[in-house]
Amino acid sequence: MDIYDLIMLLASLSESKRRIVLALAHLAPKAVSGVQLTMMISYSGKSRTLYRGVLDELAADRLILADKLTPRLYSVRINHENPLLQTLTNLVKKHGRELRKLYTTIIQKNK
């Protein structure tokens, strides 16, 4: 039943929200900066635009955790306490090795 519920959750998200959740699941339990996240999901806008909309909504829905490190720098990670997102992170750990490598490479380039 968890897999079905997870599929329904992902299907209910907009494309940008789904891309963020999936990208963060591949890196769990690590956190990334907004700039790194925008590079990972190939977002054309600035990271602060994400914070004003999409990330705020994902945080309000308890799908991500956004920690404010400084007034202009946030750390974003998947909400590891959500049972459906735990299922997702377990799936991508088992089946998403190649995409995890790609995301890790992107993060390393943007440090």
Protein backbone atom coordinates (compact mmCIF):
# COMPACT_ATOMS: atom_id res chain seq x y z
CA MET A 1 0.00 0.00 0.00
CA ASP A 2 2.91 2.39 0.66
CA ILE A 3 4.03 2.22 -2.97
CA TYR A 4 0.55 3.09 -4.23
CA ASP A 5 0.27 5.97 -1.76
CA LEU A 6 3.71 7.19 -2.80
CA ILE A 7 2.73 7.11 -6.48
CA MET A 8 -0.43 9.06 -5.69
CA LEU A 9 1.55 11.63 -3.70
CA LEU A 10 4.04 12.15 -6.53
CA ALA A 11 1.24 12.32 -9.09
CA SER A 12 -0.46 15.07 -7.08
CA LEU A 13 2.61 17.32 -7.17
CA SER A 14 3.38 19.86 -9.86
CA GLU A 15 6.32 19.08 -12.12
CA SER A 16 8.72 21.37 -10.28
CA LYS A 17 7.70 20.05 -6.85
CA ARG A 18 8.05 16.46 -8.05
CA ARG A 19 11.52 17.16 -9.48
CA ILE A 20 12.63 18.72 -6.19
CA VAL A 21 11.31 15.86 -4.07
CA LEU A 22 12.89 13.24 -6.33
CA ALA A 23 16.23 15.06 -6.45
CA LEU A 24 16.34 15.43 -2.67
CA ALA A 25 15.36 11.77 -2.23
CA HIS A 26 18.39 10.73 -4.26
CA LEU A 27 20.68 12.64 -1.92
CA ALA A 28 19.01 11.79 1.39
CA PRO A 29 19.96 12.36 4.15
CA LYS A 30 22.21 15.11 2.79
CA ALA A 31 21.05 18.70 2.47
CA VAL A 32 21.80 21.03 -0.43
CA SER A 33 21.78 24.78 -0.89
CA GLY A 34 19.18 26.52 -3.00
CA VAL A 35 21.73 27.17 -5.73
CA GLN A 36 22.73 23.50 -5.82
CA LEU A 37 19.08 22.48 -5.94
CA THR A 38 18.36 24.80 -8.87
CA MET A 39 21.29 23.26 -10.75
CA MET A 40 20.14 19.72 -9.97
CA ILE A 41 16.64 20.26 -11.32
CA SER A 42 17.75 22.55 -14.17
CA TYR A 43 15.62 25.39 -12.85
CA SER A 44 15.97 28.47 -15.03
CA GLY A 45 15.19 31.01 -12.31
CA LYS A 46 17.16 32.06 -9.27
CA SER A 47 17.15 30.02 -6.08
CA ARG A 48 15.40 32.80 -4.15
CA THR A 49 12.43 32.46 -6.52
CA LEU A 50 12.11 28.85 -5.45
CA TYR A 51 12.07 29.88 -1.79
CA ARG A 52 9.25 32.34 -2.28
CA GLY A 53 6.97 29.74 -3.80
CA VAL A 54 7.66 26.10 -4.41
CA LEU A 55 9.97 25.39 -1.48
CA ASP A 56 7.73 27.26 0.94
CA GLU A 57 4.79 25.13 -0.19
CA LEU A 58 6.78 21.89 0.06
CA ALA A 59 7.91 22.85 3.57
CA ALA A 60 4.34 23.74 4.57
CA ASP A 61 3.21 20.33 3.29
CA ARG A 62 6.02 18.77 5.37
CA LEU A 63 7.68 17.16 2.35
CA ILE A 64 10.98 19.00 2.79
CA LEU A 65 12.92 20.62 5.58
CA ALA A 66 14.43 24.04 4.86
CA ASP A 67 16.89 25.30 7.44
CA LYS A 68 17.85 28.97 7.34
CA LEU A 69 21.61 29.13 7.84
CA THR A 70 22.02 32.86 7.21
CA PRO A 71 19.56 35.53 6.03
CA ARG A 72 20.32 34.56 2.42
CA LEU A 73 21.40 30.91 2.65
CA TYR A 74 19.14 27.92 3.18
CA SER A 75 19.82 24.25 3.48
CA VAL A 76 17.16 22.01 1.94
CA ARG A 77 16.60 18.28 2.47
CA ILE A 78 13.83 15.76 2.18
CA ASN A 79 11.66 15.22 5.26
CA HIS A 80 13.03 11.88 6.42
CA GLU A 81 10.30 11.56 9.07
CA ASN A 82 7.51 11.22 6.48
CA PRO A 83 6.82 7.47 6.00
CA LEU A 84 6.05 7.84 2.28
CA LEU A 85 9.25 9.77 1.71
CA GLN A 86 11.16 7.10 3.64
CA THR A 87 9.77 4.60 1.14
CA LEU A 88 10.87 6.86 -1.71
CA THR A 89 14.40 7.27 -0.37
CA ASN A 90 14.68 3.50 0.08
CA LEU A 91 13.57 2.96 -3.52
CA VAL A 92 16.02 5.45 -4.97
CA LYS A 93 18.88 4.11 -2.85
CA LYS A 94 18.27 0.71 -4.38
CA HIS A 95 17.41 1.68 -7.94
CA GLY A 96 18.70 5.23 -8.49
CA ARG A 97 22.46 4.91 -8.28
CA GLU A 98 23.19 6.50 -11.66
CA LEU A 99 21.04 9.56 -11.01
CA ARG A 100 22.57 9.90 -7.54
CA LYS A 101 26.02 9.98 -9.17
CA LEU A 102 24.84 12.70 -11.57
CA TYR A 103 23.40 14.80 -8.75
CA THR A 104 26.57 14.35 -6.70
CA THR A 105 28.66 15.55 -9.66
CA ILE A 106 26.44 18.62 -10.06
CA ILE A 107 26.77 19.44 -6.37
CA GLN A 108 30.54 19.07 -6.46
CA LYS A 109 30.76 21.52 -9.36
CA ASN A 110 28.66 24.09 -7.47
CA LYS A 111 30.43 24.15 -4.11
